[in-house]
N, C-alpha and C. Protein backbone atom coordinates (compact mmCIF):
# COMPACT_ATOMS: atom_id res chain seq x y z
N UNK A 1 106.03 97.72 91.37
CA UNK A 1 105.27 96.54 91.68
C UNK A 1 105.37 96.27 93.19
N UNK A 2 104.30 95.83 93.78
CA UNK A 2 104.28 95.47 95.20
C UNK A 2 104.60 93.99 95.34
N UNK A 3 105.40 93.66 96.32
CA UNK A 3 105.76 92.28 96.58
C UNK A 3 105.12 91.85 97.89
N UNK A 4 104.19 90.91 97.80
CA UNK A 4 103.46 90.45 98.97
C UNK A 4 104.32 89.53 99.82
N UNK A 5 104.00 89.49 101.09
CA UNK A 5 104.65 88.56 102.00
C UNK A 5 104.47 87.15 101.43
N UNK A 6 105.55 86.39 101.38
CA UNK A 6 105.49 85.04 100.84
C UNK A 6 105.98 84.92 99.41
N UNK A 7 106.18 86.05 98.72
CA UNK A 7 106.69 86.01 97.35
C UNK A 7 108.08 85.38 97.35
N UNK A 8 108.32 84.43 96.43
CA UNK A 8 109.62 83.76 96.34
C UNK A 8 110.45 84.38 95.23
N UNK A 9 111.71 84.65 95.55
CA UNK A 9 112.66 85.22 94.60
C UNK A 9 113.92 84.36 94.59
N UNK A 10 114.54 84.25 93.42
CA UNK A 10 115.84 83.60 93.33
C UNK A 10 116.88 84.68 93.13
N UNK A 11 117.88 84.71 94.01
CA UNK A 11 119.01 85.61 93.84
C UNK A 11 120.06 84.82 93.10
N UNK A 12 120.18 85.10 91.81
CA UNK A 12 120.98 84.25 90.93
C UNK A 12 122.46 84.23 91.28
N UNK A 13 123.01 85.34 91.74
CA UNK A 13 124.43 85.38 92.09
C UNK A 13 124.74 84.47 93.26
N UNK A 14 123.78 84.33 94.17
CA UNK A 14 123.97 83.48 95.34
C UNK A 14 123.39 82.09 95.12
N UNK A 15 122.63 81.94 94.03
CA UNK A 15 121.97 80.67 93.70
C UNK A 15 121.15 80.16 94.87
N UNK A 16 120.39 81.08 95.47
CA UNK A 16 119.54 80.73 96.61
C UNK A 16 118.15 81.32 96.42
N UNK A 17 117.16 80.68 97.04
CA UNK A 17 115.80 81.19 97.03
C UNK A 17 115.55 81.98 98.31
N UNK A 18 114.91 83.11 98.15
CA UNK A 18 114.56 83.95 99.28
C UNK A 18 113.08 84.25 99.24
N UNK A 19 112.49 84.42 100.42
CA UNK A 19 111.07 84.72 100.55
C UNK A 19 110.91 86.10 101.17
N UNK A 20 109.95 86.87 100.65
CA UNK A 20 109.62 88.14 101.28
C UNK A 20 108.91 87.82 102.58
N UNK A 21 109.51 88.25 103.70
CA UNK A 21 108.94 87.94 105.01
C UNK A 21 108.38 89.17 105.72
N UNK A 22 108.58 90.34 105.14
CA UNK A 22 108.05 91.55 105.75
C UNK A 22 108.63 92.80 105.13
N UNK A 23 108.35 93.92 105.79
CA UNK A 23 108.83 95.22 105.33
C UNK A 23 109.55 95.91 106.47
N UNK A 24 110.54 96.73 106.12
CA UNK A 24 111.22 97.58 107.08
C UNK A 24 111.32 98.94 106.42
N UNK A 25 110.54 99.89 106.89
CA UNK A 25 110.41 101.21 106.27
C UNK A 25 110.02 101.03 104.82
N UNK A 26 110.89 101.37 103.86
CA UNK A 26 110.53 101.23 102.44
C UNK A 26 111.18 100.01 101.79
N UNK A 27 111.76 99.13 102.58
CA UNK A 27 112.46 97.96 102.04
C UNK A 27 111.69 96.67 102.31
N UNK A 28 111.82 95.74 101.38
CA UNK A 28 111.31 94.38 101.57
C UNK A 28 112.39 93.58 102.29
N UNK A 29 111.99 92.83 103.30
CA UNK A 29 112.92 91.98 104.03
C UNK A 29 112.82 90.58 103.44
N UNK A 30 113.95 90.06 102.98
CA UNK A 30 114.00 88.73 102.37
C UNK A 30 114.78 87.79 103.27
N UNK A 31 114.24 86.60 103.47
CA UNK A 31 114.91 85.57 104.27
C UNK A 31 115.14 84.35 103.39
N UNK A 32 116.30 83.74 103.56
CA UNK A 32 116.64 82.54 102.80
C UNK A 32 115.71 81.40 103.17
N UNK A 33 115.42 80.55 102.19
CA UNK A 33 114.64 79.35 102.48
C UNK A 33 115.51 78.26 103.11
N UNK A 34 116.81 78.46 103.12
CA UNK A 34 117.73 77.51 103.75
C UNK A 34 117.72 77.78 105.26
N UNK A 35 117.23 76.84 106.07
CA UNK A 35 117.14 77.08 107.51
C UNK A 35 118.49 77.31 108.20
N UNK A 36 119.57 76.94 107.55
CA UNK A 36 120.90 77.16 108.15
C UNK A 36 121.37 78.60 107.95
N UNK A 37 120.76 79.32 107.02
CA UNK A 37 121.14 80.70 106.72
C UNK A 37 120.28 81.64 107.57
N UNK A 38 120.88 82.28 108.54
CA UNK A 38 120.12 83.15 109.44
C UNK A 38 120.21 84.63 109.06
N UNK A 39 120.88 84.94 107.97
CA UNK A 39 121.00 86.32 107.51
C UNK A 39 119.76 86.72 106.72
N UNK A 40 119.48 88.02 106.67
CA UNK A 40 118.41 88.54 105.83
C UNK A 40 119.02 89.45 104.78
N UNK A 41 118.22 89.75 103.76
CA UNK A 41 118.62 90.69 102.72
C UNK A 41 117.48 91.70 102.61
N UNK A 42 117.83 92.97 102.43
CA UNK A 42 116.79 93.99 102.28
C UNK A 42 116.99 94.73 100.97
N UNK A 43 115.90 94.86 100.22
CA UNK A 43 115.88 95.60 98.96
C UNK A 43 114.63 96.46 98.94
N UNK A 44 114.73 97.66 98.39
CA UNK A 44 113.52 98.43 98.13
C UNK A 44 112.84 97.81 96.91
N UNK A 45 111.57 98.12 96.70
CA UNK A 45 110.87 97.57 95.55
C UNK A 45 111.53 98.01 94.24
N UNK A 46 112.02 99.25 94.19
CA UNK A 46 112.69 99.71 92.96
C UNK A 46 114.01 98.98 92.74
N UNK A 47 114.73 98.65 93.81
CA UNK A 47 115.96 97.87 93.66
C UNK A 47 115.66 96.46 93.15
N UNK A 48 114.57 95.86 93.64
CA UNK A 48 114.19 94.54 93.15
C UNK A 48 113.88 94.62 91.66
N UNK A 49 113.15 95.64 91.24
CA UNK A 49 112.81 95.80 89.83
C UNK A 49 114.08 95.97 88.98
N UNK A 50 115.04 96.75 89.46
CA UNK A 50 116.31 96.93 88.74
C UNK A 50 117.07 95.61 88.62
N UNK A 51 117.09 94.83 89.69
CA UNK A 51 117.79 93.54 89.69
C UNK A 51 117.09 92.54 88.76
N UNK A 52 115.76 92.57 88.72
CA UNK A 52 115.01 91.71 87.79
C UNK A 52 115.34 92.09 86.36
N UNK A 53 115.33 93.40 86.06
CA UNK A 53 115.63 93.88 84.71
C UNK A 53 117.05 93.51 84.29
N UNK A 54 117.97 93.48 85.25
CA UNK A 54 119.37 93.14 84.96
C UNK A 54 119.60 91.62 84.92
N UNK A 55 118.58 90.84 85.30
CA UNK A 55 118.71 89.40 85.27
C UNK A 55 119.37 88.78 86.49
N UNK A 56 119.49 89.56 87.57
CA UNK A 56 120.14 89.05 88.78
C UNK A 56 119.16 88.48 89.81
N UNK A 57 117.87 88.81 89.64
CA UNK A 57 116.82 88.27 90.50
C UNK A 57 115.70 87.78 89.59
N UNK A 58 115.07 86.68 89.98
CA UNK A 58 113.91 86.16 89.26
C UNK A 58 112.82 85.85 90.27
N UNK A 59 111.57 86.12 89.88
CA UNK A 59 110.43 85.73 90.70
C UNK A 59 110.12 84.28 90.37
N UNK A 60 109.95 83.47 91.40
CA UNK A 60 109.66 82.04 91.21
C UNK A 60 108.15 81.87 91.10
């Protein structure tokens, strides 16, 4: 599945919402919606699918 820029995801382990803000090679770049959090997270589309299947990520 392709994840468009702006797609919102919840990372359940961190209990935070992240937004797809771009791509880096084959990975989606996710940024926290919390303005105090300046870190990013990168997942490939297949990793996102695996995390969704395992219940660790949800699409909002």
